[in-house]
Protein backbone atom coordinates (compact mmCIF):
# COMPACT_ATOMS: atom_id res chain seq x y z
CA MET A 1 4.03 -36.24 6.79
CA ALA A 2 4.03 -34.82 3.30
CA VAL A 3 0.87 -33.31 1.94
CA GLY A 4 0.83 -35.95 -0.76
CA ASP A 5 0.35 -38.69 1.89
CA VAL A 6 -3.02 -37.45 3.14
CA ARG A 7 -5.95 -39.84 3.21
CA GLU A 8 -9.58 -39.15 2.41
CA ARG A 9 -11.16 -39.67 5.82
CA VAL A 10 -9.11 -37.74 8.33
CA PRO A 11 -11.11 -36.83 11.45
CA LEU A 12 -10.84 -33.07 11.89
CA GLY A 13 -12.62 -32.84 15.22
CA ARG A 14 -15.25 -30.73 16.89
CA GLY A 15 -12.94 -27.76 17.31
CA PHE A 16 -12.36 -27.48 13.58
CA ARG A 17 -16.10 -27.71 12.91
CA TRP A 18 -16.68 -24.67 15.12
CA LEU A 19 -13.82 -22.79 13.47
CA TRP A 20 -15.20 -23.72 10.06
CA ALA A 21 -18.69 -22.55 11.02
CA ALA A 22 -17.32 -19.23 12.28
CA TYR A 23 -15.33 -18.79 9.07
CA ALA A 24 -18.36 -19.62 6.92
CA ILE A 25 -20.56 -17.07 8.68
CA SER A 26 -18.03 -14.23 8.52
CA SER A 27 -17.09 -15.08 4.91
CA PHE A 28 -20.71 -14.90 3.80
CA GLY A 29 -21.19 -11.65 5.69
CA THR A 30 -18.13 -10.14 4.00
CA ARG A 31 -19.25 -11.25 0.52
CA PHE A 32 -22.81 -10.13 1.22
CA ALA A 33 -21.34 -6.66 1.87
CA PHE A 34 -19.09 -6.82 -1.22
CA ASP A 35 -18.19 -3.27 -2.39
CA ALA A 36 -20.54 -1.83 0.23
CA PHE A 37 -18.20 1.05 1.11
CA ALA A 38 -17.82 1.99 -2.56
CA LEU A 39 -21.61 1.97 -2.96
CA ILE A 40 -22.08 4.09 0.15
CA ALA A 41 -19.39 6.52 -0.99
CA VAL A 42 -21.07 6.94 -4.38
CA LEU A 43 -24.76 6.75 -3.48
CA VAL A 44 -24.75 8.47 -0.09
CA LEU A 45 -21.68 10.72 -0.03
CA HIS A 46 -21.59 11.40 -3.79
CA ALA A 47 -17.87 10.66 -3.92
CA GLY A 48 -15.96 10.78 -7.19
CA THR A 49 -13.82 8.12 -8.85
CA GLY A 50 -10.64 9.35 -7.13
CA GLN A 51 -12.20 9.16 -3.68
CA VAL A 52 -13.55 5.64 -4.28
CA ALA A 53 -10.09 4.49 -5.41
CA LEU A 54 -8.54 6.17 -2.36
CA LEU A 55 -11.01 4.40 -0.07
CA SER A 56 -10.04 1.01 -1.49
CA ALA A 57 -6.28 1.55 -1.70
CA ALA A 58 -5.82 3.50 1.54
CA GLY A 59 -7.87 1.02 3.55
CA LEU A 60 -5.56 -1.78 2.46
CA ALA A 61 -2.29 0.15 2.67
CA VAL A 62 -2.83 1.89 6.01
CA GLY A 63 -4.45 -1.21 7.49
CA ALA A 64 -1.37 -3.19 6.50
CA ALA A 65 0.95 -0.60 8.05
CA VAL A 66 -1.04 -0.57 11.28
CA ALA A 67 -0.87 -4.37 11.37
CA VAL A 68 2.95 -4.56 11.20
CA PRO A 69 3.41 -4.81 15.01
CA LEU A 70 0.44 -7.15 15.38
CA GLY A 71 2.26 -10.27 14.12
CA PRO A 72 4.98 -10.37 16.81
CA TRP A 73 2.47 -9.24 19.44
CA VAL A 74 -0.04 -11.96 18.58
CA GLU A 75 2.65 -14.66 18.26
CA HIS A 76 3.13 -14.93 22.01
CA ARG A 77 -0.52 -14.76 22.98
CA ARG A 78 -3.31 -17.29 23.04
CA LYS A 79 -4.86 -17.30 19.61
CA ARG A 80 -8.56 -17.72 20.30
CA PRO A 81 -8.90 -14.58 22.42
CA VAL A 82 -7.10 -12.74 19.59
CA LEU A 83 -9.57 -14.16 17.06
CA ILE A 84 -12.53 -13.17 19.19
CA THR A 85 -11.11 -9.68 19.77
CA ALA A 86 -10.52 -9.20 16.03
CA ASP A 87 -14.09 -10.28 15.28
CA LEU A 88 -15.56 -7.97 17.91
CA THR A 89 -13.38 -5.09 16.72
CA ARG A 90 -14.63 -5.52 13.16
CA CYS A 91 -18.21 -5.80 14.39
CA ALA A 92 -17.98 -2.61 16.47
CA ALA A 93 -16.24 -0.64 13.71
CA LEU A 94 -18.78 -1.65 11.07
CA LEU A 95 -21.77 -0.91 13.30
CA THR A 96 -20.69 2.73 13.51
CA VAL A 97 -21.49 3.12 9.79
CA PRO A 98 -25.26 2.43 9.94
CA ALA A 99 -25.40 4.33 13.23
CA ALA A 100 -23.79 7.43 11.69
CA TYR A 101 -25.98 7.05 8.60
CA ALA A 102 -29.13 6.96 10.74
CA LEU A 103 -28.01 10.12 12.54
CA ASP A 104 -27.06 11.81 9.24
CA HIS A 105 -23.43 12.17 10.40
CA LEU A 106 -21.73 9.77 8.01
CA THR A 107 -18.62 11.22 6.32
CA PHE A 108 -15.97 10.01 3.90
CA ALA A 109 -13.33 10.27 6.65
CA HIS A 110 -15.47 8.01 8.85
CA LEU A 111 -15.61 5.37 6.11
CA LEU A 112 -11.85 5.61 5.68
CA VAL A 113 -11.19 5.06 9.41
CA VAL A 114 -13.52 2.05 9.46
CA ALA A 115 -11.86 0.60 6.35
CA VAL A 116 -8.42 0.88 7.97
CA THR A 117 -9.63 -0.63 11.25
CA VAL A 118 -11.27 -3.59 9.53
CA SER A 119 -8.22 -4.17 7.32
CA ALA A 120 -5.85 -4.29 10.31
CA ALA A 121 -8.20 -6.61 12.22
CA ASP A 122 -8.43 -8.84 9.12
CA ILE A 123 -4.65 -9.32 9.16
CA ALA A 124 -4.56 -10.09 12.89
CA PHE A 125 -7.41 -12.57 12.51
CA GLY A 126 -5.88 -14.33 9.50
CA ALA A 127 -2.51 -14.74 11.18
CA ALA A 128 -3.95 -16.06 14.44
CA ALA A 129 -6.38 -18.32 12.57
CA GLY A 130 -3.52 -20.10 10.80
CA ALA A 131 -1.89 -20.97 14.12
CA CYS A 132 -5.26 -21.97 15.58
CA LEU A 133 -5.98 -24.25 12.61
CA LYS A 134 -2.60 -25.96 12.91
CA GLY A 135 -3.31 -26.58 16.58
CA LEU A 136 -6.79 -28.02 16.00
CA VAL A 137 -6.12 -30.32 13.04
CA PRO A 138 -3.63 -33.22 12.77
CA PRO A 139 -0.91 -32.67 10.14
CA GLU A 140 -2.41 -35.23 7.77
CA GLY A 141 -5.73 -33.37 7.91
CA LEU A 142 -4.46 -29.88 7.04
CA LEU A 143 -5.06 -30.17 3.30
CA THR A 144 -8.60 -31.44 3.86
CA ALA A 145 -9.29 -28.62 6.31
CA ASN A 146 -7.85 -25.95 4.00
CA GLY A 147 -9.83 -27.42 1.12
CA ARG A 148 -13.06 -27.05 3.10
CA LEU A 149 -12.24 -23.48 4.02
CA GLU A 150 -11.42 -22.70 0.38
CA SER A 151 -14.68 -24.27 -0.79
CA THR A 152 -16.57 -22.20 1.75
CA SER A 153 -14.87 -19.01 0.60
CA TRP A 154 -15.80 -19.54 -3.05
CA THR A 155 -19.34 -20.57 -2.20
CA ALA A 156 -19.77 -17.38 -0.19
CA THR A 157 -18.27 -15.39 -3.08
CA ALA A 158 -20.74 -16.94 -5.52
CA LEU A 159 -23.82 -16.36 -3.36
CA GLY A 160 -23.02 -13.27 -1.31
CA PRO A 161 -22.66 -10.44 -3.86
CA PRO A 162 -25.90 -11.16 -5.78
CA LEU A 163 -27.91 -11.43 -2.56
CA GLY A 164 -26.18 -8.36 -1.16
CA GLY A 165 -26.93 -6.42 -4.32
CA ALA A 166 -30.61 -7.34 -4.05
CA ALA A 167 -30.62 -6.27 -0.39
CA VAL A 168 -29.06 -2.91 -1.28
CA GLY A 169 -31.74 -2.38 -3.91
CA MET A 170 -34.52 -3.14 -1.45
CA PHE A 171 -33.25 -1.65 1.81
CA GLY A 172 -30.45 0.80 0.98
CA PRO A 173 -26.64 0.64 0.96
CA VAL A 174 -25.93 0.37 4.69
CA VAL A 175 -27.98 -2.77 5.33
CA THR A 176 -25.21 -5.06 4.08
CA VAL A 177 -22.67 -3.37 6.37
CA ALA A 178 -24.94 -4.07 9.36
CA ALA A 179 -25.30 -7.69 8.25
CA ASP A 180 -21.52 -8.02 7.95
CA ALA A 181 -21.12 -6.66 11.48
CA VAL A 182 -23.57 -9.25 12.82
CA SER A 183 -21.68 -12.01 10.99
CA TYR A 184 -18.51 -11.11 12.92
CA LEU A 185 -20.43 -11.24 16.18
CA LEU A 186 -21.68 -14.73 15.32
CA SER A 187 -18.16 -15.72 14.26
CA ALA A 188 -16.82 -14.66 17.66
CA ALA A 189 -19.49 -16.82 19.33
CA GLY A 190 -18.46 -19.79 17.18
CA ILE A 191 -14.79 -19.42 18.08
CA ARG A 192 -15.74 -19.08 21.74
CA ALA A 193 -17.58 -22.41 21.46
CA ILE A 194 -14.44 -24.30 20.37
CA GLY A 195 -13.52 -24.87 24.03
CA GLY A 196 -10.56 -26.85 25.32
CA GLY A 197 -6.91 -25.88 25.15
CA GLU A 198 -5.01 -24.14 22.39
CA GLY A 199 -4.16 -27.50 20.87
CA ARG A 200 -1.36 -29.24 19.06
CA ALA A 201 0.56 -26.25 17.75
CA ALA A 202 0.61 -24.68 21.19
CA ALA A 203 2.09 -27.80 22.68
CA MET A 204 4.74 -27.90 19.95
CA ALA A 205 5.72 -24.25 20.17
CA GLU A 206 9.34 -23.65 21.04
CA PRO A 207 10.51 -21.08 23.58
CA ALA A 208 11.14 -17.64 22.22
CA ALA A 209 14.86 -16.89 22.21
CA GLY A 210 15.97 -15.68 25.60
CA LYS A 211 12.42 -15.20 26.90
CA GLY A 212 11.25 -18.56 28.25
CA PRO A 213 8.15 -20.43 27.05
CA SER A 214 5.88 -18.49 24.77
CA ALA A 215 2.25 -17.94 25.56
CA MET A 216 1.37 -20.37 22.76
CA ALA A 217 2.85 -23.19 24.81
CA GLU A 218 0.30 -22.75 27.57
CA PRO A 219 -3.07 -24.51 27.15
CA ALA A 220 -5.69 -21.81 27.15
CA ALA A 221 -8.63 -22.27 29.48
CA GLU A 222 -11.56 -21.04 27.48
CA LYS A 223 -12.89 -18.94 30.33
CA GLY A 224 -9.56 -17.45 31.26
CA PRO A 225 -8.68 -13.76 31.14
CA ALA A 226 -7.81 -11.75 28.06
CA ALA A 227 -5.21 -12.75 25.49
CA GLY A 228 -1.65 -12.71 26.71
CA LYS A 229 -2.38 -13.52 30.37
CA ALA A 230 -2.39 -17.07 31.72
CA PRO A 231 -5.51 -18.15 33.64
CA ALA A 232 -5.11 -17.97 37.38
CA ALA A 233 -6.03 -21.65 37.66
CA GLU A 234 -2.92 -22.68 35.74
CA LYS A 235 0.10 -23.78 37.75
CA GLY A 236 3.80 -23.38 37.23
CA PRO A 237 6.08 -20.38 37.06
CA SER A 238 5.18 -19.45 33.50
CA ALA A 239 1.56 -19.04 34.52
CA THR A 240 2.25 -16.90 37.56
CA THR A 241 5.50 -15.05 37.17
CA SER A 242 6.06 -14.44 33.49
CA GLY A 243 3.97 -13.04 30.67
CA PRO A 244 4.42 -12.82 26.95
CA PRO A 245 7.73 -11.36 25.78
CA ARG A 246 7.71 -7.65 25.12
CA VAL A 247 7.72 -6.85 21.42
CA ARG A 248 11.04 -5.31 20.36
CA ALA A 249 11.68 -3.26 17.24
CA ARG A 250 13.66 -6.08 15.61
CA ASP A 251 10.74 -8.47 16.15
CA LEU A 252 8.61 -6.50 13.68
CA ALA A 253 10.59 -7.89 10.75
CA ASP A 254 10.87 -11.49 12.00
CA GLY A 255 8.17 -12.75 9.66
CA TRP A 256 9.84 -11.29 6.59
CA ARG A 257 13.27 -12.51 7.71
CA PHE A 258 11.99 -16.06 8.06
CA ILE A 259 10.20 -16.04 4.68
CA LEU A 260 13.13 -14.55 2.77
CA ALA A 261 15.62 -16.95 4.40
CA ASP A 262 13.60 -20.02 3.46
CA PRO A 263 14.59 -21.27 -0.03
CA ALA A 264 11.11 -22.68 -0.66
CA LEU A 265 8.88 -20.05 0.94
CA ARG A 266 10.73 -17.10 -0.62
CA PRO A 267 9.80 -17.83 -4.28
CA LEU A 268 6.30 -18.92 -3.27
CA PHE A 269 5.87 -15.65 -1.37
CA LEU A 270 7.04 -13.53 -4.31
CA ASN A 271 4.85 -15.47 -6.73
CA THR A 272 1.62 -15.30 -4.72
CA VAL A 273 2.03 -11.65 -3.79
CA LEU A 274 2.67 -10.58 -7.39
CA VAL A 275 -0.09 -12.75 -8.85
CA SER A 276 -2.75 -11.60 -6.40
CA GLY A 277 -1.68 -7.97 -6.82
CA LEU A 278 -1.82 -8.08 -10.63
CA ILE A 279 -5.15 -9.92 -10.71
CA MET A 280 -6.75 -7.45 -8.31
CA ALA A 281 -5.25 -4.48 -10.16
CA THR A 282 -7.30 -5.35 -13.26
CA ALA A 283 -10.64 -5.24 -11.40
CA PRO A 284 -11.26 -1.44 -11.54
CA PRO A 285 -10.28 -1.06 -15.24
CA LEU A 286 -12.43 -4.07 -16.14
CA ALA A 287 -15.38 -2.64 -14.21
CA VAL A 288 -15.02 0.70 -15.99
CA LEU A 289 -14.76 -1.04 -19.38
CA MET A 290 -17.74 -3.34 -18.88
CA LEU A 291 -20.09 -0.89 -17.20
CA GLY A 292 -19.05 2.05 -19.38
CA PRO A 293 -18.11 1.69 -23.07
CA LEU A 294 -19.32 -1.92 -23.40
CA GLY A 295 -22.70 -1.16 -21.84
CA PHE A 296 -23.16 -4.18 -19.57
CA ALA A 297 -25.90 -3.81 -16.98
CA PRO A 298 -24.90 -4.00 -13.29
CA TRP A 299 -26.68 -7.36 -12.90
CA GLN A 300 -24.71 -8.74 -15.85
CA TYR A 301 -21.48 -7.49 -14.34
CA GLY A 302 -22.33 -9.14 -11.01
CA LEU A 303 -23.30 -12.40 -12.72
CA ALA A 304 -20.06 -12.43 -14.71
CA PHE A 305 -18.04 -12.72 -11.49
CA ALA A 306 -20.44 -14.51 -9.13
CA LEU A 307 -21.29 -17.60 -11.19
CA PRO A 308 -17.65 -18.51 -12.05
CA CYS A 309 -16.89 -18.70 -8.32
CA LEU A 310 -18.43 -22.16 -8.45
CA GLY A 311 -15.16 -23.09 -10.17
CA GLY A 312 -13.38 -22.33 -6.91
CA LEU A 313 -15.62 -24.85 -5.16
CA VAL A 314 -14.81 -27.45 -7.82
CA GLY A 315 -11.08 -26.76 -7.60
CA ALA A 316 -10.99 -26.94 -3.82
CA ARG A 317 -12.81 -30.26 -3.87
CA LEU A 318 -10.36 -31.63 -6.44
CA SER A 319 -7.13 -30.50 -4.76
CA PRO A 320 -6.73 -33.37 -2.21
CA ALA A 321 -7.24 -36.02 -4.91
CA LEU A 322 -4.82 -34.26 -7.25
CA VAL A 323 -2.17 -34.10 -4.52
CA ARG A 324 -2.61 -37.79 -3.71
CA ARG A 325 -2.21 -38.70 -7.37
CA HIS A 326 0.43 -36.28 -8.61
CA GLY A 327 2.16 -34.98 -5.50
CA GLU A 328 2.28 -31.62 -3.78
CA ARG A 329 5.03 -30.03 -5.84
CA ALA A 330 3.47 -30.95 -9.20
CA VAL A 331 0.09 -29.55 -8.17
CA LEU A 332 1.60 -26.31 -6.89
CA ARG A 333 3.56 -25.76 -10.09
CA THR A 334 0.84 -26.82 -12.53
CA ALA A 335 -2.10 -25.06 -10.90
CA GLY A 336 0.08 -22.04 -10.13
CA THR A 337 1.07 -21.77 -13.78
CA LEU A 338 -2.39 -22.39 -15.22
CA ARG A 339 -4.01 -19.74 -13.03
CA VAL A 340 -2.03 -16.94 -14.70
CA CYS A 341 -2.82 -17.99 -18.27
CA TRP A 342 -6.40 -16.68 -18.18
CA PRO A 343 -6.46 -12.94 -17.33
CA LEU A 344 -4.90 -11.75 -20.60
CA GLY A 345 -8.07 -12.85 -22.38
CA LEU A 346 -10.07 -10.20 -20.49
CA ALA A 347 -8.46 -7.54 -22.71
CA PHE A 348 -10.56 -8.92 -25.59
CA VAL A 349 -13.96 -8.61 -23.93
CA HIS A 350 -16.63 -7.18 -26.24
CA PRO A 351 -20.31 -6.17 -25.97
CA GLY A 352 -23.24 -8.55 -26.02
CA PRO A 353 -23.94 -12.11 -24.84
CA THR A 354 -20.73 -13.52 -26.35
CA GLY A 355 -18.66 -10.92 -24.50
CA LEU A 356 -20.39 -11.82 -21.24
CA ALA A 357 -19.79 -15.52 -21.95
CA LEU A 358 -16.10 -14.77 -22.62
CA VAL A 359 -15.67 -13.06 -19.25
CA MET A 360 -17.48 -15.88 -17.43
CA THR A 361 -15.39 -18.55 -19.15
CA ILE A 362 -12.11 -16.79 -18.34
CA GLU A 363 -13.12 -16.18 -14.74
CA PHE A 364 -14.29 -19.79 -14.33
CA GLY A 365 -10.95 -21.10 -15.57
CA LEU A 366 -8.97 -18.69 -13.41
CA ILE A 367 -10.97 -19.36 -10.26
CA THR A 368 -10.94 -23.15 -10.73
CA CYS A 369 -7.14 -23.09 -10.92
CA MET A 370 -7.02 -20.85 -7.84
CA GLY A 371 -9.36 -23.25 -6.03
CA VAL A 372 -6.85 -26.06 -6.63
CA PHE A 373 -3.75 -23.98 -5.86
CA ASN A 374 -4.84 -22.11 -2.72
CA PRO A 375 -5.46 -25.03 -0.29
CA VAL A 376 -2.20 -26.74 -1.31
CA HIS A 377 -0.31 -23.47 -0.97
CA ALA A 378 -1.86 -22.74 2.46
CA THR A 379 -1.13 -26.26 3.70
CA TYR A 380 2.44 -26.22 2.45
CA ARG A 381 3.07 -22.86 4.09
CA LEU A 382 1.69 -24.07 7.44
CA THR A 383 3.59 -27.36 7.45
CA ARG A 384 6.87 -25.64 6.57
CA THR A 385 6.59 -22.92 9.22
CA PRO A 386 7.58 -23.76 12.83
CA PRO A 387 4.70 -23.40 15.34
CA ASP A 388 6.38 -20.52 17.18
CA ARG A 389 6.65 -18.46 13.96
CA ILE A 390 3.30 -19.08 12.28
CA THR A 391 1.63 -15.83 13.32
CA ARG A 392 4.56 -13.59 12.40
CA THR A 393 4.99 -15.37 9.07
CA LEU A 394 1.31 -15.18 8.11
CA SER A 395 1.13 -11.54 9.23
CA ALA A 396 4.13 -10.60 7.07
CA TRP A 397 2.62 -12.49 4.14
CA SER A 398 -0.78 -10.81 4.50
CA ILE A 399 0.63 -7.33 5.07
CA THR A 400 2.81 -7.57 1.97
CA SER A 401 -0.07 -8.90 -0.10
CA LYS A 402 -2.44 -6.12 0.94
CA ALA A 403 0.19 -3.43 0.42
CA THR A 404 1.02 -4.84 -3.02
CA VAL A 405 -2.64 -4.95 -4.03
CA ALA A 406 -3.09 -1.35 -2.89
CA THR A 407 0.03 -0.17 -4.77
CA LEU A 408 -0.72 -2.00 -8.01
CA THR A 409 -4.38 -1.00 -7.92
CA GLY A 410 -3.34 2.65 -7.77
CA LEU A 411 -0.74 2.26 -10.51
CA TRP A 412 -3.10 0.39 -12.82
CA GLY A 413 -5.78 2.98 -12.23
CA LEU A 414 -3.33 5.61 -13.41
CA LEU A 415 -2.32 3.46 -16.40
CA ALA A 416 -5.98 2.93 -17.34
CA THR A 417 -6.56 6.68 -17.15
CA VAL A 418 -3.61 7.43 -19.44
CA ALA A 419 -3.68 4.51 -21.88
CA GLY A 420 -7.19 3.08 -21.55
CA PRO A 421 -8.69 0.12 -19.65
CA ARG A 422 -7.85 -2.49 -22.30
CA THR A 423 -4.18 -1.54 -22.27
CA ALA A 424 -4.06 -1.76 -18.48
CA ILE A 425 -5.75 -5.19 -18.49
CA ALA A 426 -3.43 -6.47 -21.21
CA ALA A 427 -0.33 -5.19 -19.39
CA ALA A 428 -1.33 -7.04 -16.21
CA GLY A 429 -2.06 -10.19 -18.21
CA LEU A 430 1.35 -10.13 -19.88
CA LEU A 431 3.15 -9.56 -16.59
CA LEU A 432 1.25 -12.46 -15.03
CA LEU A 433 2.62 -14.76 -17.74
CA ALA A 434 6.12 -13.95 -16.46
CA THR A 435 5.44 -15.13 -12.87
CA PRO A 436 5.52 -18.99 -13.15
CA PRO A 437 9.35 -19.25 -13.07
CA LEU A 438 9.16 -18.12 -9.44
CA LEU A 439 7.39 -21.40 -8.64
CA ARG A 440 10.38 -23.52 -9.68
CA GLY A 441 12.01 -23.11 -6.29
CA ALA A 442 8.76 -22.88 -4.35
CA THR A 443 8.92 -26.46 -3.09
CA ALA A 444 11.97 -28.00 -1.48
CA ARG A 445 13.14 -31.51 -2.21
CA PRO A 446 11.26 -34.17 -0.21
CA GLY A 447 12.35 -34.15 3.38
CA ALA A 448 13.94 -30.70 3.24
CA SER A 449 13.32 -28.63 6.31
CA ALA A 450 12.86 -24.98 6.89
CA PRO A 451 15.97 -22.99 7.78
CA PRO A 452 17.01 -22.97 11.42
CA THR A 453 15.30 -20.37 13.55
């Protein structure tokens, strides 16, 4: 069923409600701890600008590199144990920060290792979550489900940073890291509560070439052993005599091969990776400009980006109705084009209330368009990807996105140092205006299928 055929009242089920709750808790925890490592580096370790930039870029880049083998490895394993393991890994890694701080042993290298660990676990979680979502929700409910997750993300982004900033002011910089760790523990408990088998996508998964049925095809007993091993209670040869296929070197690139071979996913992939990278690359120069020469107070800077996130909630709520009325392809192209028209205006920010209002207006417009685009994009990507390739595809997508953000953030930091923050912001804005043509081939004609696998 095409995304444009969805109806308003699609039952999403108890399993999705638990997944949604887990996502909401961890999303709020992450936003509550927004920029916590940068604050700790500056306030506790007295790190300089170069070290803070390294912490941000290296965490993304190295985490992405570490995650390269995770996609093929996770593909053939039950997804919920992977989700729980990723949550517990992030929880344990983050808890070492307040522990080291309390013992006066916290170092910059420690923060860097934790950042890399969390980044790699983020990628594994995101890839497995996509497959889990497709298994829990009927095809006609995917857009509704993605819209709810998108709304939750923007709500957490609007509320988390201001509350986290207040908590840092009252209790110190490590308190938000501890809260984020607890949120991952609660998320793991929520995923554990889903119960039942691995769901629809698992049942649809095709055998891996030359290896027999994949682990996704086996219903997962919730109290079974660790990911990748079938519960002893299950019958049949696949449960007793065969395990997940061993990851080969060529499997590491399967996700990229599938994306680049698909005539619709390839331009969508290039567009989303470039757009997210260029938008994120402007964040450090804009922060330097607003908090430095323009003289905005930290609370004004936080307000300028927190309040417009309500636009993401509005956009996510609108996206199903827009798809029903105008169709999936039209919404992807229109919202995808409109979202890149805003950032260039940030180069004209100026001091005072009108400058603050300018930033908030631009961010509201940008985020509203993203709120419409993101659920449709996520749904389209899931429906076009075969069940036995979802994890590898989403891993490749996420790894490339994180690596691109890290690379462009470093390059734009250098450009801002040489030419000034306004020039760097304007350059990113102009390049963003050149990205919409990539969306022309991002949706196949109705009824077109993904390339054979």
